[in-house]
């Protein structure tokens, strides 16, 4: 599981148990047509139809979830933070700068 931030401090951390790199959840260059995520976020499996900034309401389920997929324990192994524009190769700005070195 990801590290829990200290009380009163926001920690936009994309660290998982298998990938201990400290990196923000926002990909390099931001999300296409959205930008950077600077606030709390919820990661959703699957997708939501509509515009990028569609307001969604999350509520507690009315019926107990008994299906096999609902009861399955989720083990998040890796969060991809490479650029979503073009061919993203680097997970962090530090990794990109180390590869390219000093540029004019």
N, C-alpha and C. Protein backbone atom coordinates (compact mmCIF):
# COMPACT_ATOMS: atom_id res chain seq x y z
N UNK A 1 0.85 -1.19 0.00
CA UNK A 1 0.00 0.00 0.00
C UNK A 1 0.88 1.24 0.00
N UNK A 2 0.31 2.34 -0.42
CA UNK A 2 1.04 3.60 -0.49
C UNK A 2 1.27 4.16 0.90
N UNK A 3 2.29 4.99 1.03
CA UNK A 3 2.60 5.60 2.31
C UNK A 3 1.51 6.58 2.70
N UNK A 4 1.20 6.63 3.98
CA UNK A 4 0.16 7.53 4.48
C UNK A 4 0.81 8.86 4.84
N UNK A 5 0.27 9.99 4.32
CA UNK A 5 0.87 11.29 4.62
C UNK A 5 0.63 11.69 6.07
N UNK A 6 1.48 12.58 6.59
CA UNK A 6 1.32 13.09 7.94
C UNK A 6 0.04 13.91 8.02
N UNK A 7 -0.47 14.06 9.24
CA UNK A 7 -1.71 14.81 9.43
C UNK A 7 -1.52 16.26 8.99
N UNK A 8 -2.44 16.76 8.19
CA UNK A 8 -2.39 18.15 7.75
C UNK A 8 -1.52 18.39 6.54
N UNK A 9 -0.81 17.38 6.05
CA UNK A 9 0.07 17.53 4.89
C UNK A 9 -0.44 16.67 3.75
N UNK A 10 -0.48 17.27 2.54
CA UNK A 10 -0.90 16.52 1.36
C UNK A 10 0.33 15.86 0.75
N UNK A 11 0.23 14.60 0.46
CA UNK A 11 1.35 13.85 -0.10
C UNK A 11 0.90 13.21 -1.41
N UNK A 12 1.12 13.88 -2.56
CA UNK A 12 0.69 13.31 -3.83
C UNK A 12 1.65 12.21 -4.27
N UNK A 13 1.56 11.08 -3.63
CA UNK A 13 2.56 10.05 -3.78
C UNK A 13 2.03 8.88 -4.61
N UNK A 14 2.78 8.49 -5.63
CA UNK A 14 2.41 7.35 -6.47
C UNK A 14 3.25 6.14 -6.10
N UNK A 15 3.70 6.06 -4.86
CA UNK A 15 4.52 4.94 -4.40
C UNK A 15 3.63 3.74 -4.10
N UNK A 16 4.09 2.57 -4.49
CA UNK A 16 3.39 1.32 -4.17
C UNK A 16 4.36 0.41 -3.44
N UNK A 17 3.87 -0.74 -3.02
CA UNK A 17 4.73 -1.70 -2.30
C UNK A 17 5.85 -2.21 -3.20
N UNK A 18 5.59 -2.35 -4.50
CA UNK A 18 6.59 -2.88 -5.42
C UNK A 18 7.46 -1.79 -6.05
N UNK A 19 6.96 -0.56 -6.12
CA UNK A 19 7.69 0.56 -6.72
C UNK A 19 7.85 1.65 -5.66
N UNK A 20 9.03 1.72 -5.05
CA UNK A 20 9.25 2.62 -3.93
C UNK A 20 9.72 4.01 -4.35
N UNK A 21 9.71 4.30 -5.65
CA UNK A 21 10.11 5.62 -6.14
C UNK A 21 9.11 6.66 -5.65
N UNK A 22 9.62 7.73 -5.04
CA UNK A 22 8.74 8.81 -4.60
C UNK A 22 8.47 9.71 -5.80
N UNK A 23 7.21 9.72 -6.25
CA UNK A 23 6.84 10.50 -7.42
C UNK A 23 5.39 10.95 -7.27
N UNK A 24 5.06 12.07 -7.92
CA UNK A 24 3.70 12.57 -7.86
C UNK A 24 2.80 11.73 -8.76
N UNK A 25 1.51 11.76 -8.51
CA UNK A 25 0.56 10.99 -9.30
C UNK A 25 0.40 11.56 -10.70
N UNK A 26 0.68 12.86 -10.87
CA UNK A 26 0.53 13.51 -12.17
C UNK A 26 1.65 13.07 -13.10
N UNK A 27 1.33 12.64 -14.33
CA UNK A 27 2.37 12.27 -15.28
C UNK A 27 3.18 13.49 -15.74
N UNK A 28 4.36 13.25 -16.31
CA UNK A 28 5.16 14.35 -16.83
C UNK A 28 4.36 15.09 -17.88
N UNK A 29 4.25 16.40 -17.76
CA UNK A 29 3.48 17.21 -18.70
C UNK A 29 2.01 17.31 -18.35
N UNK A 30 1.56 16.65 -17.30
CA UNK A 30 0.16 16.70 -16.89
C UNK A 30 -0.72 15.74 -17.66
N UNK A 31 -1.95 15.59 -17.21
CA UNK A 31 -2.92 14.76 -17.91
C UNK A 31 -3.44 15.52 -19.12
N UNK A 32 -3.60 14.85 -20.27
CA UNK A 32 -4.12 15.54 -21.47
C UNK A 32 -5.49 16.16 -21.21
N UNK A 33 -5.63 17.43 -21.57
CA UNK A 33 -6.88 18.20 -21.44
C UNK A 33 -7.34 18.34 -19.99
N UNK A 34 -6.47 18.10 -19.03
CA UNK A 34 -6.85 18.26 -17.63
C UNK A 34 -5.80 19.08 -16.88
N UNK A 35 -4.55 18.66 -16.93
CA UNK A 35 -3.50 19.37 -16.22
C UNK A 35 -2.95 18.56 -15.07
N UNK A 36 -2.49 19.26 -14.03
CA UNK A 36 -1.90 18.60 -12.87
C UNK A 36 -2.93 18.31 -11.80
N UNK A 37 -2.70 17.23 -11.04
CA UNK A 37 -3.54 16.89 -9.90
C UNK A 37 -2.79 17.36 -8.66
N UNK A 38 -3.34 18.38 -7.99
CA UNK A 38 -2.69 18.93 -6.81
C UNK A 38 -3.47 18.66 -5.53
N UNK A 39 -4.61 18.05 -5.63
CA UNK A 39 -5.47 17.80 -4.48
C UNK A 39 -5.60 16.29 -4.25
N UNK A 40 -6.46 15.91 -3.33
CA UNK A 40 -6.73 14.51 -3.08
C UNK A 40 -7.34 13.89 -4.34
N UNK A 41 -7.18 12.60 -4.52
CA UNK A 41 -7.70 11.93 -5.70
C UNK A 41 -8.18 10.53 -5.33
N UNK A 42 -9.04 9.98 -6.17
CA UNK A 42 -9.51 8.61 -6.04
C UNK A 42 -9.18 7.90 -7.33
N UNK A 43 -8.55 6.74 -7.24
CA UNK A 43 -8.22 5.98 -8.43
C UNK A 43 -9.36 4.99 -8.69
N UNK A 44 -9.91 5.02 -9.91
CA UNK A 44 -11.05 4.21 -10.26
C UNK A 44 -10.64 3.16 -11.29
N UNK A 45 -11.06 1.93 -11.05
CA UNK A 45 -10.81 0.87 -12.01
C UNK A 45 -11.83 1.00 -13.13
N UNK A 46 -11.36 1.02 -14.36
CA UNK A 46 -12.26 1.18 -15.49
C UNK A 46 -12.31 2.63 -15.94
N UNK A 47 -13.43 3.06 -16.44
CA UNK A 47 -13.54 4.42 -16.95
C UNK A 47 -14.91 5.00 -16.71
N UNK A 48 -15.00 6.30 -16.95
CA UNK A 48 -16.26 7.02 -16.82
C UNK A 48 -16.46 7.77 -18.13
N UNK A 49 -17.63 7.62 -18.73
CA UNK A 49 -17.93 8.27 -20.00
C UNK A 49 -18.18 9.74 -19.76
N UNK A 50 -17.68 10.58 -20.67
CA UNK A 50 -17.96 12.00 -20.60
C UNK A 50 -16.71 12.84 -20.60
N UNK A 51 -16.85 14.13 -20.32
CA UNK A 51 -15.70 15.03 -20.34
C UNK A 51 -14.72 14.73 -19.21
N UNK A 52 -13.48 15.22 -19.39
CA UNK A 52 -12.40 14.93 -18.44
C UNK A 52 -12.73 15.36 -17.02
N UNK A 53 -13.35 16.53 -16.86
CA UNK A 53 -13.62 17.06 -15.52
C UNK A 53 -15.06 16.82 -15.07
N UNK A 54 -15.68 15.75 -15.56
CA UNK A 54 -17.05 15.44 -15.17
C UNK A 54 -17.13 15.23 -13.67
N UNK A 55 -18.12 15.83 -13.06
CA UNK A 55 -18.34 15.66 -11.62
C UNK A 55 -19.03 14.32 -11.42
N UNK A 56 -18.47 13.50 -10.52
CA UNK A 56 -19.08 12.22 -10.22
C UNK A 56 -19.39 12.18 -8.73
N UNK A 57 -20.41 11.43 -8.38
CA UNK A 57 -20.79 11.27 -6.98
C UNK A 57 -20.47 9.85 -6.56
N UNK A 58 -19.70 9.71 -5.50
CA UNK A 58 -19.39 8.40 -4.95
C UNK A 58 -20.25 8.21 -3.71
N UNK A 59 -20.93 7.09 -3.64
CA UNK A 59 -21.77 6.82 -2.48
C UNK A 59 -21.55 5.40 -2.01
N UNK A 60 -21.95 5.15 -0.78
CA UNK A 60 -21.86 3.81 -0.24
C UNK A 60 -22.90 2.93 -0.93
N UNK A 61 -22.56 1.68 -1.17
CA UNK A 61 -23.47 0.77 -1.86
C UNK A 61 -24.70 0.48 -1.02
N UNK A 62 -25.83 0.29 -1.69
CA UNK A 62 -27.08 0.00 -0.99
C UNK A 62 -27.20 -1.48 -0.64
N UNK A 63 -26.58 -2.33 -1.46
CA UNK A 63 -26.61 -3.77 -1.24
C UNK A 63 -25.21 -4.27 -0.93
N UNK A 64 -25.08 -5.26 -0.07
CA UNK A 64 -23.74 -5.81 0.19
C UNK A 64 -23.17 -6.46 -1.06
N UNK A 65 -21.90 -6.18 -1.35
CA UNK A 65 -21.26 -6.71 -2.55
C UNK A 65 -20.74 -8.11 -2.26
N UNK A 66 -21.26 -9.09 -2.97
CA UNK A 66 -20.87 -10.48 -2.72
C UNK A 66 -20.20 -11.14 -3.91
N UNK A 67 -20.10 -10.42 -5.04
CA UNK A 67 -19.48 -11.04 -6.21
C UNK A 67 -17.99 -11.26 -5.96
N UNK A 68 -17.43 -12.19 -6.69
CA UNK A 68 -16.02 -12.54 -6.52
C UNK A 68 -15.10 -11.35 -6.82
N UNK A 69 -15.43 -10.59 -7.87
CA UNK A 69 -14.59 -9.44 -8.24
C UNK A 69 -14.70 -8.31 -7.23
N UNK A 70 -15.85 -8.14 -6.58
CA UNK A 70 -16.02 -7.08 -5.59
C UNK A 70 -15.26 -7.40 -4.31
N UNK A 71 -15.14 -8.68 -3.98
CA UNK A 71 -14.46 -9.09 -2.75
C UNK A 71 -12.96 -9.29 -2.95
N UNK A 72 -12.50 -9.21 -4.19
CA UNK A 72 -11.10 -9.44 -4.51
C UNK A 72 -10.21 -8.36 -3.88
N UNK A 73 -9.13 -8.75 -3.26
CA UNK A 73 -8.16 -7.81 -2.68
C UNK A 73 -7.35 -7.21 -3.80
N UNK A 74 -7.25 -5.88 -3.83
CA UNK A 74 -6.53 -5.19 -4.90
C UNK A 74 -5.08 -4.99 -4.46
N UNK A 75 -4.16 -5.45 -5.29
CA UNK A 75 -2.73 -5.25 -5.03
C UNK A 75 -2.18 -4.37 -6.15
N UNK A 76 -1.99 -3.10 -5.84
CA UNK A 76 -1.51 -2.14 -6.82
C UNK A 76 0.01 -2.27 -6.90
N UNK A 77 0.53 -2.64 -8.08
CA UNK A 77 1.95 -2.90 -8.24
C UNK A 77 2.73 -1.71 -8.78
N UNK A 78 2.09 -0.93 -9.68
CA UNK A 78 2.83 0.14 -10.35
C UNK A 78 1.85 1.19 -10.85
N UNK A 79 2.21 2.46 -10.70
CA UNK A 79 1.42 3.56 -11.25
C UNK A 79 2.28 4.24 -12.30
N UNK A 80 1.82 4.22 -13.54
CA UNK A 80 2.57 4.79 -14.65
C UNK A 80 2.45 6.31 -14.64
N UNK A 81 3.57 7.01 -14.47
CA UNK A 81 3.56 8.47 -14.48
C UNK A 81 4.38 9.02 -15.64
N UNK A 82 4.57 8.20 -16.70
CA UNK A 82 5.25 8.72 -17.89
C UNK A 82 4.30 9.65 -18.62
N UNK A 83 4.84 10.44 -19.53
CA UNK A 83 4.03 11.43 -20.26
C UNK A 83 2.94 10.74 -21.06
N UNK A 84 1.77 11.35 -21.09
CA UNK A 84 0.65 10.82 -21.86
C UNK A 84 0.57 11.48 -23.23
N UNK A 85 1.50 12.38 -23.54
CA UNK A 85 1.62 12.99 -24.86
C UNK A 85 2.80 12.31 -25.56
N UNK A 86 2.59 11.73 -26.71
CA UNK A 86 3.69 11.10 -27.44
C UNK A 86 4.12 9.79 -26.82
N UNK A 87 5.41 9.50 -26.90
CA UNK A 87 5.96 8.25 -26.38
C UNK A 87 6.65 8.51 -25.06
N UNK A 88 5.92 8.43 -23.96
CA UNK A 88 6.49 8.69 -22.64
C UNK A 88 7.47 7.61 -22.23
N UNK A 89 8.71 8.00 -21.90
CA UNK A 89 9.74 7.03 -21.52
C UNK A 89 10.13 7.13 -20.06
N UNK A 90 9.93 8.29 -19.46
CA UNK A 90 10.48 8.53 -18.12
C UNK A 90 9.36 8.68 -17.10
N UNK A 91 9.60 8.15 -15.91
CA UNK A 91 8.60 8.20 -14.84
C UNK A 91 8.70 9.50 -14.03
N UNK A 92 9.90 10.07 -13.91
CA UNK A 92 10.08 11.30 -13.13
C UNK A 92 10.94 12.29 -13.89
N UNK A 93 10.85 13.56 -13.53
CA UNK A 93 11.67 14.61 -14.14
C UNK A 93 13.15 14.35 -13.85
N UNK A 94 13.45 13.87 -12.66
CA UNK A 94 14.83 13.56 -12.26
C UNK A 94 15.42 12.46 -13.17
N UNK A 95 14.62 11.45 -13.47
CA UNK A 95 15.06 10.36 -14.35
C UNK A 95 15.32 10.88 -15.77
N UNK A 96 14.46 11.77 -16.25
CA UNK A 96 14.62 12.35 -17.58
C UNK A 96 15.87 13.21 -17.65
N UNK A 97 16.10 14.05 -16.62
CA UNK A 97 17.29 14.91 -16.60
C UNK A 97 18.57 14.09 -16.52
N UNK A 98 18.56 12.99 -15.79
CA UNK A 98 19.74 12.13 -15.70
C UNK A 98 20.06 11.49 -17.05
N UNK A 99 19.06 11.16 -17.81
CA UNK A 99 19.27 10.52 -19.11
C UNK A 99 19.81 11.53 -20.13
N UNK A 100 19.20 12.72 -20.21
CA UNK A 100 19.59 13.70 -21.21
C UNK A 100 20.82 14.53 -20.82
N UNK A 101 21.11 14.61 -19.53
CA UNK A 101 22.26 15.40 -19.08
C UNK A 101 21.99 16.90 -19.22
N UNK A 102 23.07 17.67 -19.27
CA UNK A 102 22.96 19.12 -19.38
C UNK A 102 22.60 19.50 -20.81
N UNK A 103 21.50 20.23 -20.98
CA UNK A 103 21.10 20.71 -22.29
C UNK A 103 21.08 22.24 -22.27
N UNK A 104 21.29 22.84 -23.45
CA UNK A 104 21.35 24.30 -23.53
C UNK A 104 20.03 24.94 -23.22
